[in-house]
PDB file of N, CA and C in Angstrom:
ATOM      1  N   VAL A   1      -0.877   5.887 -24.138  1.00  0.00           N
ATOM      2  CA  VAL A   1       0.447   5.633 -24.619  1.00  0.00           C
ATOM      3  C   VAL A   1       0.306   4.621 -25.817  1.00  0.00           C
ATOM      4  N   PRO A   2      -0.426   3.428 -25.599  1.00  0.00           N
ATOM      5  CA  PRO A   2      -0.446   2.473 -26.713  1.00  0.00           C
ATOM      6  C   PRO A   2      -1.049   3.078 -27.941  1.00  0.00           C
ATOM      7  N   GLY A   3      -2.034   3.911 -27.872  1.00  0.00           N
ATOM      8  CA  GLY A   3      -2.532   4.542 -29.020  1.00  0.00           C
ATOM      9  C   GLY A   3      -1.518   5.427 -29.830  1.00  0.00           C
ATOM     10  N   MET A   4      -0.771   6.227 -29.003  1.00  0.00           N
ATOM     11  CA  MET A   4       0.301   7.064 -29.583  1.00  0.00           C
ATOM     12  C   MET A   4       1.424   6.207 -30.244  1.00  0.00           C
ATOM     13  N   VAL A   5       1.773   5.100 -29.652  1.00  0.00           N
ATOM     14  CA  VAL A   5       2.739   4.280 -30.181  1.00  0.00           C
ATOM     15  C   VAL A   5       2.300   3.577 -31.450  1.00  0.00           C
ATOM     16  N   ALA A   6       1.035   3.084 -31.460  1.00  0.00           N
ATOM     17  CA  ALA A   6       0.454   2.423 -32.669  1.00  0.00           C
ATOM     18  C   ALA A   6       0.336   3.458 -33.898  1.00  0.00           C
ATOM     19  N   MET A   7       0.126   4.742 -33.628  1.00  0.00           N
ATOM     20  CA  MET A   7       0.038   5.690 -34.624  1.00  0.00           C
ATOM     21  C   MET A   7       1.358   6.242 -35.242  1.00  0.00           C
ATOM     22  N   THR A   8       2.362   5.934 -34.498  1.00  0.00           N
ATOM     23  CA  THR A   8       3.708   6.446 -34.912  1.00  0.00           C
ATOM     24  C   THR A   8       4.325   5.490 -35.830  1.00  0.00           C
ATOM     25  N   PRO A   9       5.140   5.974 -36.825  1.00  0.00           N
ATOM     26  CA  PRO A   9       5.814   5.066 -37.848  1.00  0.00           C
ATOM     27  C   PRO A   9       6.637   4.126 -37.019  1.00  0.00           C
ATOM     28  N   LYS A  10       6.925   2.905 -37.551  1.00  0.00           N
ATOM     29  CA  LYS A  10       7.642   1.784 -36.906  1.00  0.00           C
ATOM     30  C   LYS A  10       9.044   2.194 -36.547  1.00  0.00           C
ATOM     31  N   SER A  11       9.700   2.956 -37.335  1.00  0.00           N
ATOM     32  CA  SER A  11      11.079   3.389 -37.064  1.00  0.00           C
ATOM     33  C   SER A  11      11.254   4.287 -35.809  1.00  0.00           C
ATOM     34  N   LYS A  12      10.108   4.954 -35.495  1.00  0.00           N
ATOM     35  CA  LYS A  12      10.223   5.931 -34.363  1.00  0.00           C
ATOM     36  C   LYS A  12       9.594   5.563 -33.133  1.00  0.00           C
ATOM     37  N   ARG A  13       8.971   4.263 -33.063  1.00  0.00           N
ATOM     38  CA  ARG A  13       8.173   3.775 -32.017  1.00  0.00           C
ATOM     39  C   ARG A  13       9.038   3.697 -30.707  1.00  0.00           C
ATOM     40  N   TRP A  14      10.238   3.048 -30.808  1.00  0.00           N
ATOM     41  CA  TRP A  14      10.935   2.774 -29.560  1.00  0.00           C
ATOM     42  C   TRP A  14      11.453   4.078 -28.909  1.00  0.00           C
ATOM     43  N   PRO A  15      11.987   5.062 -29.724  1.00  0.00           N
ATOM     44  CA  PRO A  15      12.439   6.377 -29.136  1.00  0.00           C
ATOM     45  C   PRO A  15      11.203   7.028 -28.449  1.00  0.00           C
ATOM     46  N   LEU A  16      10.055   6.977 -29.105  1.00  0.00           N
ATOM     47  CA  LEU A  16       8.769   7.601 -28.489  1.00  0.00           C
ATOM     48  C   LEU A  16       8.496   6.911 -27.205  1.00  0.00           C
ATOM     49  N   LEU A  17       8.549   5.556 -27.061  1.00  0.00           N
ATOM     50  CA  LEU A  17       8.242   4.885 -26.025  1.00  0.00           C
ATOM     51  C   LEU A  17       9.208   5.095 -24.829  1.00  0.00           C
ATOM     52  N   LYS A  18      10.413   5.109 -25.138  1.00  0.00           N
ATOM     53  CA  LYS A  18      11.508   5.514 -24.131  1.00  0.00           C
ATOM     54  C   LYS A  18      11.263   6.882 -23.634  1.00  0.00           C
ATOM     55  N   ARG A  19      10.816   7.867 -24.395  1.00  0.00           N
ATOM     56  CA  ARG A  19      10.656   9.310 -23.952  1.00  0.00           C
ATOM     57  C   ARG A  19       9.523   9.328 -23.123  1.00  0.00           C
ATOM     58  N   LEU A  20       8.331   8.623 -23.431  1.00  0.00           N
ATOM     59  CA  LEU A  20       7.101   8.741 -22.637  1.00  0.00           C
ATOM     60  C   LEU A  20       7.210   7.877 -21.343  1.00  0.00           C
ATOM     61  N   VAL A  21       7.491   6.672 -21.374  1.00  0.00           N
ATOM     62  CA  VAL A  21       7.364   5.779 -20.300  1.00  0.00           C
ATOM     63  C   VAL A  21       8.545   5.788 -19.414  1.00  0.00           C
ATOM     64  N   PHE A  22       9.800   5.883 -19.960  1.00  0.00           N
ATOM     65  CA  PHE A  22      10.989   5.736 -19.099  1.00  0.00           C
ATOM     66  C   PHE A  22      11.536   7.190 -18.830  1.00  0.00           C
ATOM     67  N   SER A  23      10.817   8.252 -18.799  1.00  0.00           N
ATOM     68  CA  SER A  23      11.256   9.511 -18.400  1.00  0.00           C
ATOM     69  C   SER A  23      11.655   9.630 -17.007  1.00  0.00           C
ATOM     70  N   LEU A  24      12.662  10.477 -16.676  1.00  0.00           N
ATOM     71  CA  LEU A  24      13.080  10.638 -15.369  1.00  0.00           C
ATOM     72  C   LEU A  24      11.909  11.265 -14.455  1.00  0.00           C
ATOM     73  N   PHE A  25      11.147  12.075 -15.051  1.00  0.00           N
ATOM     74  CA  PHE A  25       9.990  12.682 -14.275  1.00  0.00           C
ATOM     75  C   PHE A  25       9.000  11.537 -13.858  1.00  0.00           C
ATOM     76  N   LEU A  26       8.578  10.696 -14.807  1.00  0.00           N
ATOM     77  CA  LEU A  26       7.600   9.659 -14.484  1.00  0.00           C
ATOM     78  C   LEU A  26       8.203   8.756 -13.459  1.00  0.00           C
ATOM     79  N   LEU A  27       9.445   8.331 -13.639  1.00  0.00           N
ATOM     80  CA  LEU A  27      10.051   7.387 -12.716  1.00  0.00           C
ATOM     81  C   LEU A  27      10.119   8.030 -11.311  1.00  0.00           C
ATOM     82  N   THR A  28      10.518   9.328 -11.158  1.00  0.00           N
ATOM     83  CA  THR A  28      10.575   9.973  -9.893  1.00  0.00           C
ATOM     84  C   THR A  28       9.169   9.998  -9.220  1.00  0.00           C
ATOM     85  N   VAL A  29       8.170  10.501  -9.936  1.00  0.00           N
ATOM     86  CA  VAL A  29       6.914  10.678  -9.425  1.00  0.00           C
ATOM     87  C   VAL A  29       6.273   9.339  -8.945  1.00  0.00           C
ATOM     88  N   HIS A  30       6.374   8.241  -9.831  1.00  0.00           N
ATOM     89  CA  HIS A  30       5.912   6.965  -9.429  1.00  0.00           C
ATOM     90  C   HIS A  30       6.767   6.279  -8.343  1.00  0.00           C
ATOM     91  N   GLY A  31       7.924   6.514  -8.407  1.00  0.00           N
ATOM     92  CA  GLY A  31       8.896   5.960  -7.231  1.00  0.00           C
ATOM     93  C   GLY A  31       8.550   6.632  -5.900  1.00  0.00           C
ATOM     94  N   ILE A  32       8.385   7.899  -5.894  1.00  0.00           N
ATOM     95  CA  ILE A  32       8.089   8.607  -4.569  1.00  0.00           C
ATOM     96  C   ILE A  32       6.595   8.098  -4.215  1.00  0.00           C
ATOM     97  N   ASN A  33       5.644   8.082  -5.107  1.00  0.00           N
ATOM     98  CA  ASN A  33       4.339   7.628  -4.843  1.00  0.00           C
ATOM     99  C   ASN A  33       4.265   6.241  -4.355  1.00  0.00           C
ATOM    100  N   TRP A  34       5.005   5.380  -4.813  1.00  0.00           N
ATOM    101  CA  TRP A  34       5.094   4.020  -4.373  1.00  0.00           C
ATOM    102  C   TRP A  34       5.563   3.970  -2.903  1.00  0.00           C
ATOM    103  N   PHE A  35       6.633   4.764  -2.591  1.00  0.00           N
ATOM    104  CA  PHE A  35       7.180   4.750  -1.253  1.00  0.00           C
ATOM    105  C   PHE A  35       6.099   5.227  -0.307  1.00  0.00           C
ATOM    106  N   PHE A  36       5.430   6.362  -0.664  1.00  0.00           N
ATOM    107  CA  PHE A  36       4.461   6.859   0.341  1.00  0.00           C
ATOM    108  C   PHE A  36       3.253   5.866   0.480  1.00  0.00           C
ATOM    109  N   SER A  37       2.824   5.284  -0.569  1.00  0.00           N
ATOM    110  CA  SER A  37       1.689   4.327  -0.502  1.00  0.00           C
ATOM    111  C   SER A  37       2.007   3.086   0.276  1.00  0.00           C
ATOM    112  N   PHE A  38       3.260   2.632   0.169  1.00  0.00           N
ATOM    113  CA  PHE A  38       3.738   1.452   0.870  1.00  0.00           C
ATOM    114  C   PHE A  38       3.781   1.849   2.444  1.00  0.00           C
ATOM    115  N   ALA A  39       4.376   2.962   2.725  1.00  0.00           N
ATOM    116  CA  ALA A  39       4.438   3.464   4.110  1.00  0.00           C
ATOM    117  C   ALA A  39       2.950   3.661   4.717  1.00  0.00           C
ATOM    118  N   ASP A  40       2.108   4.167   3.914  1.00  0.00           N
ATOM    119  CA  ASP A  40       0.755   4.263   4.518  1.00  0.00           C
ATOM    120  C   ASP A  40       0.063   3.063   4.825  1.00  0.00           C
ATOM    121  N   TRP A  41       0.210   2.068   3.840  1.00  0.00           N
ATOM    122  CA  TRP A  41      -0.305   0.702   4.049  1.00  0.00           C
ATOM    123  C   TRP A  41       0.327   0.004   5.158  1.00  0.00           C
ATOM    124  N   TYR A  42       1.607   0.124   5.342  1.00  0.00           N
ATOM    125  CA  TYR A  42       2.335  -0.484   6.520  1.00  0.00           C
ATOM    126  C   TYR A  42       1.997   0.100   7.784  1.00  0.00           C
ATOM    127  N   ALA A  43       1.794   1.423   7.789  1.00  0.00           N
ATOM    128  CA  ALA A  43       1.438   2.067   9.128  1.00  0.00           C
ATOM    129  C   ALA A  43      -0.047   1.852   9.514  1.00  0.00           C
ATOM    130  N   GLN A  44      -0.883   1.603   8.543  1.00  0.00           N
ATOM    131  CA  GLN A  44      -2.300   1.446   8.863  1.00  0.00           C
ATOM    132  C   GLN A  44      -2.980   0.347   7.954  1.00  0.00           C
ATOM    133  N   PRO A  45      -2.701  -0.787   8.067  1.00  0.00           N
ATOM    134  CA  PRO A  45      -3.321  -1.867   7.251  1.00  0.00           C
ATOM    135  C   PRO A  45      -4.763  -2.040   7.574  1.00  0.00           C
ATOM    136  N   VAL A  46      -5.512  -1.879   6.474  1.00  0.00           N
ATOM    137  CA  VAL A  46      -6.925  -1.883   6.631  1.00  0.00           C
ATOM    138  C   VAL A  46      -7.477  -2.907   5.594  1.00  0.00           C
ATOM    139  N   ARG A  47      -8.316  -3.833   5.962  1.00  0.00           N
ATOM    140  CA  ARG A  47      -8.974  -4.751   5.027  1.00  0.00           C
ATOM    141  C   ARG A  47     -10.051  -4.046   4.325  1.00  0.00           C
ATOM    142  N   LEU A  48     -10.194  -4.251   3.051  1.00  0.00           N
ATOM    143  CA  LEU A  48     -11.347  -3.698   2.326  1.00  0.00           C
ATOM    144  C   LEU A  48     -12.538  -4.683   2.495  1.00  0.00           C
ATOM    145  N   ASP A  49     -13.732  -4.055   2.531  1.00  0.00           N
ATOM    146  CA  ASP A  49     -15.003  -4.911   2.686  1.00  0.00           C
ATOM    147  C   ASP A  49     -15.842  -4.597   1.553  1.00  0.00           C
ATOM    148  N   LEU A  50     -17.066  -5.126   1.645  1.00  0.00           N
ATOM    149  CA  LEU A  50     -18.007  -5.030   0.516  1.00  0.00           C
ATOM    150  C   LEU A  50     -18.373  -3.522   0.278  1.00  0.00           C
ATOM    151  N   PHE A  51     -18.481  -2.785   1.241  1.00  0.00           N
ATOM    152  CA  PHE A  51     -18.805  -1.335   1.051  1.00  0.00           C
ATOM    153  C   PHE A  51     -17.843  -0.706   0.255  1.00  0.00           C
ATOM    154  N   ASP A  52     -16.516  -0.916   0.430  1.00  0.00           N
ATOM    155  CA  ASP A  52     -15.463  -0.316  -0.444  1.00  0.00           C
ATOM    156  C   ASP A  52     -15.650  -0.625  -1.785  1.00  0.00           C
ATOM    157  N   LEU A  53     -16.044  -1.980  -2.024  1.00  0.00           N
ATOM    158  CA  LEU A  53     -16.166  -2.315  -3.474  1.00  0.00           C
ATOM    159  C   LEU A  53     -17.378  -1.501  -4.077  1.00  0.00           C
ATOM    160  N   TRP A  54     -18.495  -1.388  -3.327  1.00  0.00           N
ATOM    161  CA  TRP A  54     -19.674  -0.611  -3.936  1.00  0.00           C
ATOM    162  C   TRP A  54     -19.343   0.768  -4.069  1.00  0.00           C
ATOM    163  N   ALA A  55     -18.637   1.402  -3.081  1.00  0.00           N
ATOM    164  CA  ALA A  55     -18.256   2.775  -3.153  1.00  0.00           C
ATOM    165  C   ALA A  55     -17.364   3.055  -4.441  1.00  0.00           C
ATOM    166  N   GLY A  56     -16.438   2.242  -4.665  1.00  0.00           N
ATOM    167  CA  GLY A  56     -15.601   2.277  -5.787  1.00  0.00           C
ATOM    168  C   GLY A  56     -16.307   2.287  -7.168  1.00  0.00           C
ATOM    169  N   LEU A  57     -17.184   1.271  -7.166  1.00  0.00           N
ATOM    170  CA  LEU A  57     -18.027   1.044  -8.337  1.00  0.00           C
ATOM    171  C   LEU A  57     -18.943   2.284  -8.693  1.00  0.00           C
ATOM    172  N   VAL A  58     -19.605   2.714  -7.693  1.00  0.00           N
ATOM    173  CA  VAL A  58     -20.450   3.915  -7.778  1.00  0.00           C
ATOM    174  C   VAL A  58     -19.685   5.152  -8.204  1.00  0.00           C
ATOM    175  N   TYR A  59     -18.501   5.359  -7.682  1.00  0.00           N
ATOM    176  CA  TYR A  59     -17.587   6.378  -8.053  1.00  0.00           C
ATOM    177  C   TYR A  59     -17.151   6.343  -9.495  1.00  0.00           C
ATOM    178  N   GLY A  60     -16.792   5.146  -9.896  1.00  0.00           N
ATOM    179  CA  GLY A  60     -16.408   4.876 -11.293  1.00  0.00           C
ATOM    180  C   GLY A  60     -17.484   5.098 -12.295  1.00  0.00           C
ATOM    181  N   LEU A  61     -18.750   4.576 -11.938  1.00  0.00           N
ATOM    182  CA  LEU A  61     -19.881   4.795 -12.861  1.00  0.00           C
ATOM    183  C   LEU A  61     -20.370   6.211 -12.884  1.00  0.00           C
ATOM    184  N   LEU A  62     -20.221   6.945 -11.852  1.00  0.00           N
ATOM    185  CA  LEU A  62     -20.584   8.440 -11.851  1.00  0.00           C
ATOM    186  C   LEU A  62     -19.560   9.144 -12.686  1.00  0.00           C
ATOM    187  N   TYR A  63     -18.317   8.795 -12.561  1.00  0.00           N
ATOM    188  CA  TYR A  63     -17.264   9.465 -13.374  1.00  0.00           C
ATOM    189  C   TYR A  63     -17.414   9.126 -14.835  1.00  0.00           C
ATOM    190  N   ILE A  64     -17.683   7.882 -15.211  1.00  0.00           N
ATOM    191  CA  ILE A  64     -17.982   7.585 -16.688  1.00  0.00           C
ATOM    192  C   ILE A  64     -19.114   8.359 -17.190  1.00  0.00           C
ATOM    193  N   THR A  65     -20.167   8.464 -16.370  1.00  0.00           N
ATOM    194  CA  THR A  65     -21.382   9.080 -16.826  1.00  0.00           C
ATOM    195  C   THR A  65     -21.092  10.627 -17.023  1.00  0.00           C
ATOM    196  N   PHE A  66     -20.307  11.154 -16.010  1.00  0.00           N
ATOM    197  CA  PHE A  66     -19.893  12.599 -16.212  1.00  0.00           C
ATOM    198  C   PHE A  66     -19.049  12.865 -17.493  1.00  0.00           C
ATOM    199  N   TYR A  67     -18.119  11.963 -17.654  1.00  0.00           N
ATOM    200  CA  TYR A  67     -17.208  11.989 -18.806  1.00  0.00           C
ATOM    201  C   TYR A  67     -18.089  11.962 -20.164  1.00  0.00           C
ATOM    202  N   LEU A  68     -18.938  11.009 -20.281  1.00  0.00           N
ATOM    203  CA  LEU A  68     -19.584  10.678 -21.498  1.00  0.00           C
ATOM    204  C   LEU A  68     -20.750  11.836 -21.756  1.00  0.00           C
ATOM    205  N   SER A  69     -21.319  12.357 -20.680  1.00  0.00           N
ATOM    206  CA  SER A  69     -22.459  13.314 -20.835  1.00  0.00           C
ATOM    207  C   SER A  69     -21.882  14.713 -20.855  1.00  0.00           C
ATOM    208  N   VAL A  70     -20.783  15.110 -20.286  1.00  0.00           N
ATOM    209  CA  VAL A  70     -20.385  16.449 -20.219  1.00  0.00           C
ATOM    210  C   VAL A  70     -19.130  16.713 -20.965  1.00  0.00           C
ATOM    211  N   LEU A  71     -18.006  15.955 -20.633  1.00  0.00           N
ATOM    212  CA  LEU A  71     -16.754  16.313 -21.254  1.00  0.00           C
ATOM    213  C   LEU A  71     -16.639  15.786 -22.798  1.00  0.00           C
ATOM    214  N   ASP A  72     -17.197  14.741 -23.089  1.00  0.00           N
ATOM    215  CA  ASP A  72     -17.144  14.206 -24.478  1.00  0.00           C
ATOM    216  C   ASP A  72     -17.852  15.148 -25.425  1.00  0.00           C
ATOM    217  N   PRO A  73     -19.034  15.565 -25.174  1.00  0.00           N
ATOM    218  CA  PRO A  73     -19.800  16.464 -26.037  1.00  0.00           C
ATOM    219  C   PRO A  73     -19.028  17.794 -26.147  1.00  0.00           C
ATOM    220  N   LEU A  74     -18.392  18.215 -25.095  1.00  0.00           N
ATOM    221  CA  LEU A  74     -17.529  19.498 -25.285  1.00  0.00           C
ATOM    222  C   LEU A  74     -16.241  19.352 -26.090  1.00  0.00           C
ATOM    223  N   GLY A  75     -15.852  18.088 -26.422  1.00  0.00           N
ATOM    224  CA  GLY A  75     -14.713  17.986 -27.275  1.00  0.00           C
ATOM    225  C   GLY A  75     -13.488  17.631 -26.377  1.00  0.00           C
ATOM    226  N   ILE A  76     -13.633  17.447 -25.142  1.00  0.00           N
ATOM    227  CA  ILE A  76     -12.533  17.103 -24.307  1.00  0.00           C
ATOM    228  C   ILE A  76     -12.360  15.633 -24.167  1.00  0.00           C
ATOM    229  N   HIS A  77     -11.531  15.105 -24.953  1.00  0.00           N
ATOM    230  CA  HIS A  77     -11.400  13.613 -25.145  1.00  0.00           C
ATOM    231  C   HIS A  77     -10.168  13.153 -24.391  1.00  0.00           C
ATOM    232  N   LEU A  78     -10.284  12.866 -23.049  1.00  0.00           N
ATOM    233  CA  LEU A  78      -9.193  12.349 -22.341  1.00  0.00           C
ATOM    234  C   LEU A  78      -8.973  10.939 -22.575  1.00  0.00           C
ATOM    235  N   TYR A  79      -9.896  10.037 -22.743  1.00  0.00           N
ATOM    236  CA  TYR A  79      -9.737   8.673 -22.927  1.00  0.00           C
ATOM    237  C   TYR A  79     -10.439   8.141 -24.307  1.00  0.00           C
ATOM    238  N   PHE A  80      -9.638   7.967 -25.246  1.00  0.00           N
ATOM    239  CA  PHE A  80     -10.224   7.600 -26.595  1.00  0.00           C
ATOM    240  C   PHE A  80     -10.900   6.300 -26.546  1.00  0.00           C
ATOM    241  N   ILE A  81     -10.617   5.460 -25.568  1.00  0.00           N
ATOM    242  CA  ILE A  81     -11.279   4.105 -25.655  1.00  0.00           C
ATOM    243  C   ILE A  81     -12.685   4.331 -25.110  1.00  0.00           C
ATOM    244  N   LEU A  82     -13.021   5.375 -24.239  1.00  0.00           N
ATOM    245  CA  LEU A  82     -14.282   5.503 -23.874  1.00  0.00           C
ATOM    246  C   LEU A  82     -15.213   6.282 -24.768  1.00  0.00           C
ATOM    247  N   SER A  83     -14.696   6.752 -25.835  1.00  0.00           N
ATOM    248  CA  SER A  83     -15.447   7.503 -26.794  1.00  0.00           C
ATOM    249  C   SER A  83     -16.549   6.626 -27.403  1.00  0.00           C
ATOM    250  N   PRO A  84     -17.830   6.977 -27.488  1.00  0.00           N
ATOM    251  CA  PRO A  84     -18.800   6.171 -28.108  1.00  0.00           C
ATOM    252  C   PRO A  84     -18.850   6.193 -29.546  1.00  0.00           C
ATOM    253  N   ARG A  85     -17.975   7.070 -30.202  1.00  0.00           N
ATOM    254  CA  ARG A  85     -17.961   7.108 -31.639  1.00  0.00           C
ATOM    255  C   ARG A  85     -17.161   5.985 -32.216  1.00  0.00           C
TER     256      ARG A  85
END
């Protein structure tokens, strides 16, 4: 969203931002998601430990490696900030 807003002419930035960020669909999806995540945490509070950190880091690094080695060369640019160009 920040990249799209920055590339838009100044007179049309606020309407674009309202349409993308404050849409009823996004508010509904994130509102429902927040409710279910809070209910899940409240029903089963689990403390994270060192293994959870390492598992998250390994998952993230594997995903970045997959993105840069497979998706980016195919022209599927999901995250312009990760592009090595």
